[in-house]
């Protein structure tokens, strides 16, 4: 091909001119690239390219879940049970302890009127209100509210220490949502069994049912991880001895919570990955159905 006189035509002279026309990566200004993010159209180098459903995207668009076909949390690390790893793995436990302490302070300030309105009671005449009160009288909320009440300083101190020691590590292992589901399912199961078996005029209160559920789930988790189970078994046996050997303890709440915790905990740590959420929360739903059925049976007996 003919060449115009006086123009630079050599390959060595042409490359610098072509190279200057290439954009540079927005994250690495020293790297030239011809690829752009298919979402925001910013130039990206090979190190910043993330494969998307069409073309490549930049790290910011991927983190925002913009058109990648995946949720923004898809790449987040997960716990053994599939939960999201939180910045504060004990936050839910701290909140539960804070709620119990706050409610106990209200009990001290307001007095028996507050406690007797919320404690677990099947059916009994309450002189303070001058009426028959209880779950059988249309107050099913007592199954839940009783979980946050305590009878004495020793009662709440012992329960909150147990909740911190057992609940904190378990929350970190399961993830926040699954941990809270386990806690409330266990507590409600303990309340339901107490309502079913205990005398209808026998009041009950405390977080022990939920905490025993955490004991049961911890035992399942330690077996799953092949840890030495002797410490948790010894601690559980000691608590069961106190349960049956100490007066004025609602053993029904402890046993109901323990059984629910073992069942729910097993589903949490053994569910197959492909159907994990369905099995985990489905098990929680089944336990809650049992709670409702037990409540309806006892209510029918007392009506």
Protein backbone atom coordinates (compact mmCIF):
# COMPACT_ATOMS: atom_id res chain seq x y z
CA UNK A 1 0.00 0.00 0.00
CA UNK A 2 1.23 3.47 -0.84
CA UNK A 3 2.19 5.69 2.07
CA UNK A 4 1.82 9.45 2.36
CA UNK A 5 5.19 11.10 2.55
CA UNK A 6 6.30 12.39 5.89
CA UNK A 7 3.72 10.47 8.08
CA UNK A 8 4.92 8.05 10.88
CA UNK A 9 4.04 4.58 9.66
CA UNK A 10 6.25 2.16 11.63
CA UNK A 11 4.52 -0.28 14.08
CA UNK A 12 6.69 0.91 16.96
CA UNK A 13 5.50 4.48 16.39
CA UNK A 14 1.79 3.54 16.00
CA UNK A 15 1.35 1.59 19.32
CA UNK A 16 1.75 4.55 21.72
CA UNK A 17 -0.95 6.47 19.87
CA UNK A 18 -3.43 3.52 20.10
CA UNK A 19 -2.61 2.88 23.73
CA UNK A 20 -3.38 6.45 24.71
CA UNK A 21 -6.96 6.00 23.47
CA UNK A 22 -7.72 3.15 25.96
CA UNK A 23 -9.46 4.09 29.24
CA UNK A 24 -8.01 3.08 32.59
CA UNK A 25 -9.69 0.99 35.29
CA UNK A 26 -11.64 3.19 37.69
CA UNK A 27 -10.17 1.29 40.65
CA UNK A 28 -6.65 0.90 39.26
CA UNK A 29 -5.69 4.05 37.31
CA UNK A 30 -2.39 2.52 36.20
CA UNK A 31 -4.12 -0.28 34.26
CA UNK A 32 -5.56 0.24 30.80
CA UNK A 33 -8.60 -1.75 29.78
CA UNK A 34 -11.11 -2.08 27.01
CA UNK A 35 -13.82 -3.70 29.17
CA UNK A 36 -16.62 -1.78 30.89
CA UNK A 37 -19.12 -2.77 33.58
CA UNK A 38 -22.35 -3.77 31.86
CA UNK A 39 -24.31 -2.01 34.60
CA UNK A 40 -22.61 1.34 35.27
CA UNK A 41 -20.30 1.33 32.21
CA UNK A 42 -17.20 2.18 34.22
CA UNK A 43 -13.97 0.70 32.80
CA UNK A 44 -12.73 -2.33 34.75
CA UNK A 45 -9.50 -4.33 34.56
CA UNK A 46 -9.36 -8.15 34.73
CA UNK A 47 -8.87 -8.05 38.51
CA UNK A 48 -12.10 -6.08 38.96
CA UNK A 49 -14.21 -8.06 36.50
CA UNK A 50 -17.00 -10.13 38.09
CA UNK A 51 -18.83 -12.46 35.76
CA UNK A 52 -22.53 -11.62 35.51
CA UNK A 53 -25.47 -13.06 33.60
CA UNK A 54 -24.40 -10.82 30.70
CA UNK A 55 -20.80 -9.65 30.44
CA UNK A 56 -18.89 -8.42 33.47
CA UNK A 57 -19.72 -6.08 36.33
CA UNK A 58 -17.66 -4.03 38.74
CA UNK A 59 -17.37 -4.94 42.44
CA UNK A 60 -19.69 -2.08 43.55
CA UNK A 61 -22.53 -3.22 41.31
CA UNK A 62 -22.08 -6.81 42.47
CA UNK A 63 -22.24 -5.77 46.12
CA UNK A 64 -25.43 -3.90 45.36
CA UNK A 65 -26.94 -6.91 43.64
CA UNK A 66 -27.48 -4.91 40.48
CA UNK A 67 -28.43 -7.29 37.72
CA UNK A 68 -26.10 -10.12 38.69
CA UNK A 69 -28.90 -12.59 39.22
CA UNK A 70 -27.86 -13.00 42.88
CA UNK A 71 -29.00 -11.29 46.04
CA UNK A 72 -26.56 -8.78 47.57
CA UNK A 73 -25.99 -11.21 50.47
CA UNK A 74 -25.28 -14.21 48.25
CA UNK A 75 -21.53 -13.97 48.76
CA UNK A 76 -21.64 -13.29 52.50
CA UNK A 77 -20.07 -15.85 54.82
CA UNK A 78 -22.53 -18.20 56.52
CA UNK A 79 -22.72 -19.96 59.85
CA UNK A 80 -22.90 -23.73 60.22
CA UNK A 81 -26.70 -23.51 60.11
CA UNK A 82 -26.72 -21.20 57.09
CA UNK A 83 -27.26 -17.92 58.95
CA UNK A 84 -25.51 -14.68 58.09
CA UNK A 85 -22.36 -13.97 60.07
CA UNK A 86 -23.10 -10.76 61.99
CA UNK A 87 -20.66 -8.09 63.10
CA UNK A 88 -21.82 -8.65 66.69
CA UNK A 89 -22.56 -12.39 66.99
CA UNK A 90 -24.10 -11.97 70.48
CA UNK A 91 -26.41 -9.03 69.77
CA UNK A 92 -29.66 -11.00 70.06
CA UNK A 93 -28.52 -12.52 73.36
CA UNK A 94 -27.71 -9.07 74.71
CA UNK A 95 -31.13 -7.79 73.65
CA UNK A 96 -32.91 -10.74 75.31
CA UNK A 97 -30.99 -10.18 78.54
CA UNK A 98 -31.74 -6.47 78.37
CA UNK A 99 -35.46 -7.15 77.90
CA UNK A 100 -35.59 -9.54 80.84
CA UNK A 101 -33.75 -7.09 83.10
CA UNK A 102 -35.97 -4.18 81.99
CA UNK A 103 -39.15 -6.18 82.62
CA UNK A 104 -37.87 -7.23 86.04
CA UNK A 105 -37.23 -3.59 86.95
CA UNK A 106 -40.80 -2.80 85.92
CA UNK A 107 -41.95 -5.66 88.17
CA UNK A 108 -40.11 -4.09 91.09
CA UNK A 109 -41.56 -0.64 90.42
CA UNK A 110 -45.16 -1.53 89.54
CA UNK A 111 -45.49 -4.54 91.82
CA UNK A 112 -47.80 -7.56 91.79
CA UNK A 113 -50.40 -5.94 89.56
CA UNK A 114 -47.95 -6.05 86.65
CA UNK A 115 -46.62 -9.54 87.38
CA UNK A 116 -50.00 -11.18 87.95
CA UNK A 117 -51.32 -9.72 84.72
CA UNK A 118 -48.53 -11.33 82.64
CA UNK A 119 -47.38 -14.49 84.44
CA UNK A 120 -48.33 -17.95 83.18
CA UNK A 121 -51.65 -18.88 84.77
CA UNK A 122 -54.11 -21.48 83.55
CA UNK A 123 -57.28 -20.42 85.31
CA UNK A 124 -57.69 -18.95 88.79
CA UNK A 125 -59.44 -16.25 90.73
CA UNK A 126 -57.03 -13.36 91.33
CA UNK A 127 -58.08 -11.25 94.36
CA UNK A 128 -56.04 -8.29 93.15
CA UNK A 129 -58.26 -8.00 90.08
CA UNK A 130 -61.41 -9.47 91.59
CA UNK A 131 -61.92 -11.78 88.62
CA UNK A 132 -60.95 -15.15 87.16
CA UNK A 133 -57.81 -14.79 85.08
CA UNK A 134 -55.67 -17.09 82.94
CA UNK A 135 -55.06 -18.52 79.52
CA UNK A 136 -58.34 -20.43 79.62
CA UNK A 137 -60.08 -17.07 80.12
CA UNK A 138 -58.89 -15.72 76.78
CA UNK A 139 -55.37 -14.60 77.75
CA UNK A 140 -53.03 -16.71 75.57
CA UNK A 141 -50.44 -13.92 75.61
CA UNK A 142 -49.35 -15.27 79.00
CA UNK A 143 -47.57 -18.11 77.21
CA UNK A 144 -45.15 -15.51 75.84
CA UNK A 145 -45.03 -12.77 78.46
CA UNK A 146 -44.22 -15.21 81.27
CA UNK A 147 -40.89 -15.90 79.52
CA UNK A 148 -39.66 -12.40 80.44
CA UNK A 149 -40.79 -12.32 84.09
CA UNK A 150 -38.76 -13.42 87.12
CA UNK A 151 -39.64 -14.00 90.74
CA UNK A 152 -36.52 -12.82 92.58
CA UNK A 153 -33.01 -11.39 92.12
CA UNK A 154 -31.49 -14.87 92.39
CA UNK A 155 -33.93 -16.18 89.80
CA UNK A 156 -33.09 -13.58 87.16
CA UNK A 157 -29.34 -13.58 87.89
CA UNK A 158 -29.10 -17.34 87.49
CA UNK A 159 -31.18 -17.33 84.30
CA UNK A 160 -29.34 -14.41 82.69
CA UNK A 161 -25.94 -15.93 83.46
CA UNK A 162 -27.07 -19.18 81.85
CA UNK A 163 -28.45 -17.29 78.86
CA UNK A 164 -25.14 -15.49 78.36
CA UNK A 165 -22.97 -18.58 78.71
CA UNK A 166 -25.12 -20.86 76.57
CA UNK A 167 -26.91 -18.42 74.29
CA UNK A 168 -23.96 -16.34 73.13
CA UNK A 169 -21.93 -19.15 71.51
CA UNK A 170 -25.09 -20.75 70.15
CA UNK A 171 -26.19 -17.49 68.50
CA UNK A 172 -22.78 -17.22 66.83
CA UNK A 173 -23.07 -20.79 65.55
CA UNK A 174 -26.65 -20.58 64.24
CA UNK A 175 -27.03 -16.98 63.18
CA UNK A 176 -29.34 -14.39 64.67
CA UNK A 177 -32.66 -15.29 63.02
CA UNK A 178 -32.37 -19.04 63.64
CA UNK A 179 -31.23 -18.45 67.21
CA UNK A 180 -34.23 -16.25 67.99
CA UNK A 181 -36.57 -18.76 66.36
CA UNK A 182 -35.10 -21.52 68.54
CA UNK A 183 -35.36 -19.39 71.68
CA UNK A 184 -39.00 -18.45 71.28
CA UNK A 185 -40.12 -21.86 70.03
CA UNK A 186 -38.49 -23.51 73.06
CA UNK A 187 -39.93 -21.00 75.49
CA UNK A 188 -43.45 -21.33 74.09
CA UNK A 189 -43.21 -25.13 74.15
CA UNK A 190 -42.23 -24.98 77.83
CA UNK A 191 -45.14 -22.66 78.57
CA UNK A 192 -47.60 -24.89 76.69
CA UNK A 193 -46.53 -28.03 78.55
CA UNK A 194 -46.80 -26.19 81.85
CA UNK A 195 -50.29 -25.02 80.96
CA UNK A 196 -51.26 -28.57 79.97
CA UNK A 197 -49.94 -30.42 83.02
CA UNK A 198 -49.59 -28.03 85.95
CA UNK A 199 -52.49 -27.09 88.21
CA UNK A 200 -54.50 -24.32 86.56
CA UNK A 201 -54.18 -22.06 89.60
CA UNK A 202 -50.40 -22.50 89.83
CA UNK A 203 -48.60 -19.41 88.44
CA UNK A 204 -45.34 -19.84 86.56
CA UNK A 205 -42.78 -17.39 85.18
CA UNK A 206 -39.19 -17.23 83.97
CA UNK A 207 -36.97 -17.70 80.93
CA UNK A 208 -35.94 -21.21 82.01
CA UNK A 209 -37.98 -23.02 79.36
CA UNK A 210 -36.27 -21.12 76.55
CA UNK A 211 -32.86 -21.55 78.18
CA UNK A 212 -33.35 -25.30 78.50
CA UNK A 213 -34.14 -25.27 74.78
CA UNK A 214 -30.76 -23.64 74.20
CA UNK A 215 -29.16 -26.38 76.34
CA UNK A 216 -30.72 -29.05 74.14
CA UNK A 217 -29.68 -27.35 70.91
CA UNK A 218 -26.14 -26.86 72.23
CA UNK A 219 -25.86 -30.60 72.94
CA UNK A 220 -27.01 -31.37 69.38
CA UNK A 221 -24.54 -28.84 67.94
CA UNK A 222 -21.61 -30.21 69.95
CA UNK A 223 -22.41 -33.73 68.81
CA UNK A 224 -22.59 -32.50 65.22
CA UNK A 225 -19.14 -30.89 65.57
CA UNK A 226 -17.78 -33.96 67.41
CA UNK A 227 -16.81 -31.89 70.46
CA UNK A 228 -16.44 -33.32 73.96
CA UNK A 229 -20.03 -33.39 75.21
CA UNK A 230 -19.24 -34.15 78.83
CA UNK A 231 -19.24 -30.50 80.01
CA UNK A 232 -22.65 -29.66 78.53
CA UNK A 233 -24.13 -32.98 79.70
CA UNK A 234 -22.82 -32.41 83.21
CA UNK A 235 -24.27 -28.89 83.23
CA UNK A 236 -27.59 -30.17 81.93
CA UNK A 237 -27.73 -32.93 84.57
CA UNK A 238 -27.03 -30.41 87.34
CA UNK A 239 -29.87 -28.21 86.08
CA UNK A 240 -32.23 -31.17 85.89
CA UNK A 241 -31.35 -32.11 89.48
CA UNK A 242 -32.29 -28.59 90.57
CA UNK A 243 -35.43 -28.83 88.42
CA UNK A 244 -36.79 -31.91 90.18
CA UNK A 245 -35.16 -31.43 93.57
CA UNK A 246 -36.00 -27.81 94.30
CA UNK A 247 -39.43 -26.63 95.38
CA UNK A 248 -41.50 -24.16 93.39
CA UNK A 249 -39.81 -24.90 90.06
CA UNK A 250 -42.02 -25.55 87.04
CA UNK A 251 -40.32 -28.68 85.75
CA UNK A 252 -42.84 -28.84 82.90
CA UNK A 253 -41.39 -25.66 81.38
CA UNK A 254 -37.87 -27.06 81.59
CA UNK A 255 -38.76 -30.39 79.99
CA UNK A 256 -40.97 -28.83 77.32
CA UNK A 257 -38.27 -26.34 76.39
CA UNK A 258 -35.58 -29.02 76.39
CA UNK A 259 -37.50 -31.34 74.07
CA UNK A 260 -38.38 -28.50 71.69
CA UNK A 261 -34.76 -27.31 71.74
CA UNK A 262 -33.40 -30.73 70.84
CA UNK A 263 -35.87 -31.17 67.97
CA UNK A 264 -35.44 -27.67 66.59
CA UNK A 265 -31.68 -27.69 67.14
CA UNK A 266 -31.35 -30.96 65.23
CA UNK A 267 -33.20 -29.42 62.29
CA UNK A 268 -31.01 -26.33 62.45
CA UNK A 269 -27.65 -28.12 62.25
CA UNK A 270 -28.52 -31.23 60.21
CA UNK A 271 -30.77 -29.81 57.48
CA UNK A 272 -29.34 -30.45 53.98
CA UNK A 273 -28.01 -27.32 52.29
CA UNK A 274 -30.39 -27.40 49.32
CA UNK A 275 -33.50 -27.38 51.57
CA UNK A 276 -32.02 -25.89 54.69
CA UNK A 277 -34.33 -22.93 55.30
CA UNK A 278 -37.45 -24.96 54.50
CA UNK A 279 -36.57 -27.71 56.97
CA UNK A 280 -35.34 -25.36 59.70
CA UNK A 281 -38.27 -22.98 59.74
CA UNK A 282 -40.69 -25.76 58.86
CA UNK A 283 -39.64 -27.57 62.03
CA UNK A 284 -40.21 -24.38 64.02
CA UNK A 285 -43.68 -24.13 62.49
CA UNK A 286 -44.48 -27.74 63.40
CA UNK A 287 -43.43 -27.15 67.03
CA UNK A 288 -45.59 -24.02 67.13
CA UNK A 289 -48.54 -26.04 65.81
CA UNK A 290 -48.00 -28.50 68.67
CA UNK A 291 -47.97 -25.56 71.08
CA UNK A 292 -51.29 -24.35 69.70
CA UNK A 293 -52.82 -27.84 69.86
CA UNK A 294 -51.74 -28.36 73.49
CA UNK A 295 -53.12 -24.95 74.39
CA UNK A 296 -56.47 -25.68 72.75
CA UNK A 297 -56.73 -29.08 74.45
CA UNK A 298 -56.10 -27.65 77.90
CA UNK A 299 -58.44 -24.74 77.30
CA UNK A 300 -61.19 -27.15 76.30
CA UNK A 301 -60.58 -29.12 79.50
CA UNK A 302 -60.90 -26.01 81.68
CA UNK A 303 -63.87 -24.50 79.87
